[in-house]
Protein backbone atom coordinates (compact mmCIF):
# COMPACT_ATOMS: atom_id res chain seq x y z
CA MET A 1 121.51 110.77 72.39
CA ALA A 2 120.53 108.87 75.58
CA MET A 3 120.41 110.85 78.80
CA ASP A 4 123.13 110.02 81.13
CA ALA A 5 122.43 108.60 84.75
CA THR A 6 123.07 111.88 86.38
CA GLY A 7 120.80 113.89 84.26
CA LEU A 8 118.05 111.31 84.55
CA SER A 9 118.55 111.13 88.37
CA VAL A 10 117.93 114.99 88.53
CA LEU A 11 114.82 114.70 86.43
CA LEU A 12 113.40 111.75 88.55
CA GLY A 13 114.22 113.73 91.77
CA ALA A 14 112.42 116.82 90.32
CA GLY A 15 109.27 114.74 90.02
CA ILE A 16 109.44 113.67 93.54
CA GLY A 17 110.08 117.24 94.72
CA LEU A 18 106.94 118.43 92.91
CA VAL A 19 104.75 115.76 94.60
CA LEU A 20 106.05 116.75 98.00
CA SER A 21 105.48 120.33 97.39
CA TRP A 22 101.88 119.76 96.27
CA THR A 23 100.73 117.12 98.71
CA GLY A 24 103.11 116.84 101.62
CA ALA A 25 103.22 113.21 101.06
CA GLY A 26 103.84 110.60 98.33
CA GLY A 27 107.32 111.50 97.41
CA GLY A 28 108.85 108.53 99.14
CA VAL A 29 106.15 106.37 97.87
CA LEU A 30 107.02 107.23 94.23
CA ALA A 31 110.69 107.53 94.58
CA MET A 32 111.59 103.56 94.78
CA PRO A 33 109.55 102.57 91.87
CA LEU A 34 110.98 105.39 89.75
CA LEU A 35 114.61 104.39 90.64
CA VAL A 36 113.86 100.76 90.32
CA PHE A 37 112.49 100.99 86.74
CA ALA A 38 114.29 104.08 85.27
CA LEU A 39 117.92 103.26 86.60
CA GLY A 40 117.61 99.46 86.99
CA LEU A 41 118.37 99.63 90.83
CA SER A 42 117.14 96.89 93.29
CA ALA A 43 114.62 97.73 95.85
CA GLN A 44 117.34 97.76 98.57
CA GLN A 45 119.48 100.11 96.45
CA ALA A 46 116.68 102.50 95.72
CA GLY A 47 115.23 102.85 99.14
CA PRO A 48 118.08 104.85 100.75
CA ILE A 49 118.41 107.01 97.67
CA GLY A 50 114.85 107.88 97.82
CA LEU A 51 115.00 108.56 101.52
CA THR A 52 117.94 110.90 100.91
CA ALA A 53 116.06 113.08 98.65
CA VAL A 54 112.76 112.96 100.43
CA GLY A 55 114.28 113.66 103.70
CA VAL A 56 116.30 116.72 102.52
CA ALA A 57 113.54 118.16 100.37
CA SER A 58 111.02 117.58 103.25
CA ALA A 59 113.50 119.44 105.68
CA VAL A 60 113.72 122.39 103.47
CA GLY A 61 109.84 122.52 103.12
CA ALA A 62 109.40 122.18 106.79
CA GLY A 63 111.76 124.96 107.51
CA LEU A 64 109.83 127.19 105.31
CA GLY A 65 106.58 126.09 107.08
CA LEU A 66 108.21 126.93 110.44
CA ARG A 67 109.08 130.32 109.11
CA GLU A 68 105.29 130.73 108.24
CA GLY A 69 104.19 129.45 111.43
CA ILE A 70 102.05 126.55 110.19
CA VAL A 71 104.17 123.63 111.41
CA ARG A 72 102.71 121.97 114.50
CA TYR A 73 106.19 121.27 115.86
CA ARG A 74 105.11 119.45 119.10
CA ALA A 75 102.94 116.96 117.14
CA ALA A 76 105.80 116.71 114.51
CA ALA A 77 108.26 115.95 117.40
CA LEU A 78 106.03 113.11 118.98
CA ILE A 79 105.24 111.52 115.57
CA GLY A 80 108.83 112.02 114.16
CA GLY A 81 110.62 110.91 117.43
CA LEU A 82 108.69 107.59 117.70
CA GLY A 83 109.22 107.02 113.78
CA MET A 84 112.88 107.61 114.28
CA LEU A 85 113.03 104.96 116.92
CA VAL A 86 111.03 102.47 115.02
CA ALA A 87 112.54 103.09 111.50
CA PRO A 88 115.66 101.04 112.26
CA VAL A 89 113.55 98.03 112.94
CA GLY A 90 111.93 98.25 109.57
CA VAL A 91 115.42 98.51 107.88
CA ALA A 92 116.73 95.55 109.58
CA VAL A 93 113.71 93.59 108.52
CA ALA A 94 114.10 94.89 104.80
CA GLN A 95 117.62 93.58 104.81
CA LEU A 96 116.30 90.15 105.50
CA LEU A 97 113.74 89.89 102.74
CA PRO A 98 114.29 89.47 98.89
CA SER A 99 113.49 92.26 96.40
CA ARG A 100 110.32 90.66 95.02
CA PRO A 101 108.21 90.61 98.29
CA LEU A 102 109.31 94.08 98.96
CA LEU A 103 108.13 95.11 95.58
CA ALA A 104 104.80 93.42 96.16
CA ALA A 105 104.29 95.01 99.60
CA PHE A 106 105.13 98.32 98.11
CA ALA A 107 102.50 97.86 95.56
CA LEU A 108 99.85 97.25 98.17
CA VAL A 109 100.98 100.30 100.12
CA LEU A 110 100.56 102.20 96.83
CA VAL A 111 96.95 101.05 96.46
CA TRP A 112 96.15 102.07 99.86
CA VAL A 113 97.53 105.45 99.44
CA ALA A 114 95.47 105.82 96.18
CA ARG A 115 92.29 104.88 98.13
CA ARG A 116 93.13 107.55 100.88
CA MET A 117 93.79 110.18 98.00
CA LEU A 118 90.52 109.44 96.18
CA TRP A 119 88.37 109.22 99.26
CA PRO A 120 90.34 111.24 101.96
CA LEU A 121 87.13 111.61 103.93
CA ASP A 122 84.00 109.73 103.69
CA PRO A 123 80.57 111.47 104.84
CA ALA A 124 80.70 109.74 108.40
CA GLU A 125 84.18 110.96 108.89
CA ALA A 126 83.44 114.48 107.57
CA GLU A 127 80.64 114.78 110.04
CA GLY A 128 82.92 113.91 112.90
CA ARG A 129 85.60 116.38 112.21
CA GLU A 130 84.47 118.37 115.19
CA ALA A 131 84.93 115.44 117.55
CA THR A 132 88.49 114.57 116.33
CA PRO A 133 90.88 113.94 119.29
CA CYS A 134 93.32 116.67 118.42
CA GLN A 135 91.49 120.02 118.27
CA VAL A 136 93.00 123.60 117.74
CA ASN A 137 92.34 125.98 120.45
CA GLN A 138 90.87 128.86 118.95
CA LEU A 139 92.16 131.31 121.46
CA HIS A 140 95.89 130.70 120.88
CA GLY A 141 95.86 128.53 117.86
CA ARG A 142 97.58 125.53 119.26
CA LEU A 143 96.53 121.94 119.47
CA THR A 144 94.79 121.06 122.75
CA TRP A 145 96.67 117.98 124.00
CA THR A 146 94.65 114.99 125.52
CA SER A 147 95.51 111.40 126.09
CA SER A 148 93.41 110.40 123.08
CA CYS A 149 95.25 112.97 120.85
CA ALA A 150 98.77 111.91 122.15
CA ARG A 151 97.62 108.08 121.65
CA ALA A 152 96.59 108.79 117.94
CA LEU A 153 99.70 110.71 117.14
CA ALA A 154 101.95 108.15 118.67
CA LEU A 155 100.47 105.16 116.76
CA THR A 156 100.90 107.25 113.58
CA GLY A 157 104.79 107.75 114.49
CA VAL A 158 105.14 104.06 115.07
CA ALA A 159 103.46 103.10 111.83
CA SER A 160 105.11 105.75 109.65
CA GLY A 161 108.74 104.83 111.17
CA PHE A 162 108.36 101.11 110.54
CA LEU A 163 107.01 101.37 106.92
CA SER A 164 109.69 103.98 106.31
CA GLY A 165 112.58 101.75 107.30
CA LEU A 166 111.00 98.74 105.68
CA LEU A 167 110.09 100.27 102.42
CA GLY A 168 112.29 103.24 101.90
CA VAL A 169 109.70 105.82 102.17
CA GLY A 170 109.27 109.12 104.12
CA GLY A 171 105.94 108.01 105.86
CA GLY A 172 103.82 111.07 104.47
CA PHE A 173 101.28 108.54 103.00
CA VAL A 174 100.55 107.57 106.66
CA ILE A 175 100.86 110.84 108.46
CA VAL A 176 98.78 113.10 105.99
CA PRO A 177 95.69 110.82 106.22
CA ALA A 178 96.19 110.44 109.88
CA LEU A 179 96.35 114.06 110.78
CA LEU A 180 93.40 114.67 108.61
CA LYS A 181 91.53 112.14 110.44
CA HIS A 182 92.58 112.80 114.04
CA SER A 183 92.85 116.63 114.06
CA ASP A 184 90.97 119.69 112.66
CA LEU A 185 94.12 121.26 111.16
CA ASP A 186 93.83 122.92 107.88
CA ILE A 187 95.52 121.35 104.82
CA ARG A 188 98.54 123.50 104.69
CA SER A 189 99.36 122.98 108.15
CA VAL A 190 98.79 119.11 107.76
CA GLN A 191 101.28 119.30 104.82
CA ALA A 192 103.86 121.38 106.63
CA THR A 193 103.83 119.13 109.70
CA SER A 194 103.97 115.94 107.48
CA LEU A 195 107.19 117.42 105.81
CA ALA A 196 108.71 117.96 109.33
CA VAL A 197 107.92 114.39 110.43
CA ILE A 198 109.30 113.04 107.25
CA ALA A 199 112.60 114.83 107.57
CA LEU A 200 112.91 113.26 111.06
CA VAL A 201 112.10 109.95 110.27
CA ALA A 202 113.89 109.73 106.92
CA ALA A 203 117.05 110.87 108.58
CA SER A 204 116.81 107.91 111.10
CA SER A 205 116.11 105.33 108.23
CA LEU A 206 118.88 106.78 106.10
CA GLY A 207 121.41 106.45 109.06
CA ALA A 208 120.47 102.79 109.46
CA ALA A 209 120.74 102.28 105.70
CA ALA A 210 123.87 103.76 105.43
CA TRP A 211 125.18 101.64 108.35
CA HIS A 212 124.39 98.70 106.25
CA GLY A 213 126.37 100.10 103.17
CA GLY A 214 123.32 100.60 101.11
CA LEU A 215 123.74 104.25 99.87
CA ASN A 216 125.02 105.20 96.30
CA GLY A 217 126.17 108.75 96.61
CA SER A 218 126.73 109.12 92.79
CA ILE A 219 122.92 108.77 92.24
CA ALA A 220 121.69 110.14 95.64
CA GLY A 221 123.27 113.49 95.03
CA PRO A 222 121.75 114.55 91.66
CA PHE A 223 118.44 112.97 92.74
CA THR A 224 118.40 115.05 95.86
CA LEU A 225 119.35 118.07 94.17
CA GLY A 226 116.52 117.76 91.56
CA ALA A 227 113.87 116.98 94.46
CA THR A 228 114.91 119.97 96.64
CA VAL A 229 115.02 122.57 93.70
CA ALA A 230 111.55 121.23 92.42
CA LEU A 231 110.01 121.36 95.93
CA LEU A 232 110.96 124.99 96.18
CA ALA A 233 109.58 125.78 92.73
CA GLY A 234 106.34 123.70 93.25
CA ARG A 235 105.62 125.59 96.48
CA LEU A 236 105.43 128.86 94.35
CA VAL A 237 102.45 127.47 92.36
CA ALA A 238 100.93 125.06 94.81
CA ALA A 239 98.57 127.40 96.28
CA ARG A 240 97.05 128.28 92.62
CA MET A 241 96.43 124.61 91.85
CA PRO A 242 93.33 122.78 92.70
CA ALA A 243 94.15 120.29 95.33
CA LEU A 244 91.34 117.87 94.64
CA HIS A 245 92.53 117.40 90.91
CA LEU A 246 96.15 117.08 92.12
CA GLN A 247 95.27 114.32 94.66
CA ARG A 248 93.07 112.34 92.11
CA ALA A 249 96.08 112.50 89.45
CA PHE A 250 98.43 111.31 92.14
CA ALA A 251 96.01 108.42 93.18
CA VAL A 252 95.88 107.33 89.29
CA THR A 253 99.62 107.42 89.20
CA CYS A 254 99.88 105.44 92.23
CA LEU A 255 97.46 102.61 90.97
CA ALA A 256 99.48 102.70 87.61
CA VAL A 257 102.71 102.25 89.39
CA ALA A 258 101.30 99.53 91.71
CA ALA A 259 100.18 97.45 88.77
CA VAL A 260 103.55 97.59 87.28
CA LEU A 261 105.26 96.65 90.51
CA LEU A 262 102.94 93.71 91.06
CA ALA A 263 103.82 92.46 87.51
CA ARG A 264 107.53 92.67 88.38
CA ALA A 265 107.07 90.95 91.68
CA ALA A 266 105.29 88.16 89.89
CA GLY A 267 108.14 87.87 87.19
CA TRP A 268 106.00 89.02 84.37
CA LEU A 269 108.40 91.91 83.71
């Protein structure tokens, strides 16, 4: 007997929640193609649903990170605040574009994400980690704010916000690599801070999408439930799993999805 749309939505959401819990990014990147291919939605329909699930699950993960003291809330506020301002611009642009170009653009984003996951730091970048603009003060454990640090984080917020609105993603695929490049934060702090930003940016994008009447609640509800429960479960085992292997598997998945998206955008599927 075929699974109904509600059950399938829960399972698809669970996959997104696991990705978020293990990487702090990528949930929004995979949500739209999963919804497009598994449930037959258009890119414009799938984007707001993916944002709902990613936003709620990320908010839950960020809340847990705040309780553990690993979220850099001032950095998250700067990146997320600018992202929220810019995201509606991306949503407005998306409403003017047909589905196929959006799918092609999304495929290119996936290829870029895969590249960052496979090679998060090249040797030159690794040697320069000590000279990153955003440094943690070893005395009080907080970021030392400088103009170069603020500028790097601000540009990250603008980029993540616009792409969030345009492509219906949370922006973590921009935030995580940017924080790894521009700060000396440890990976757990980067992931938790990314989740906090994703929650803020997704809320802005979702509001704009709802204003345009593009949210299907009957699918968004189960999808969001699956993502949130899976994120909570994934956090329990994430610390025991090798991060490098997870990143490589995620990168391969991104490349596979990108190939299918490009084929569909070209009219081959």
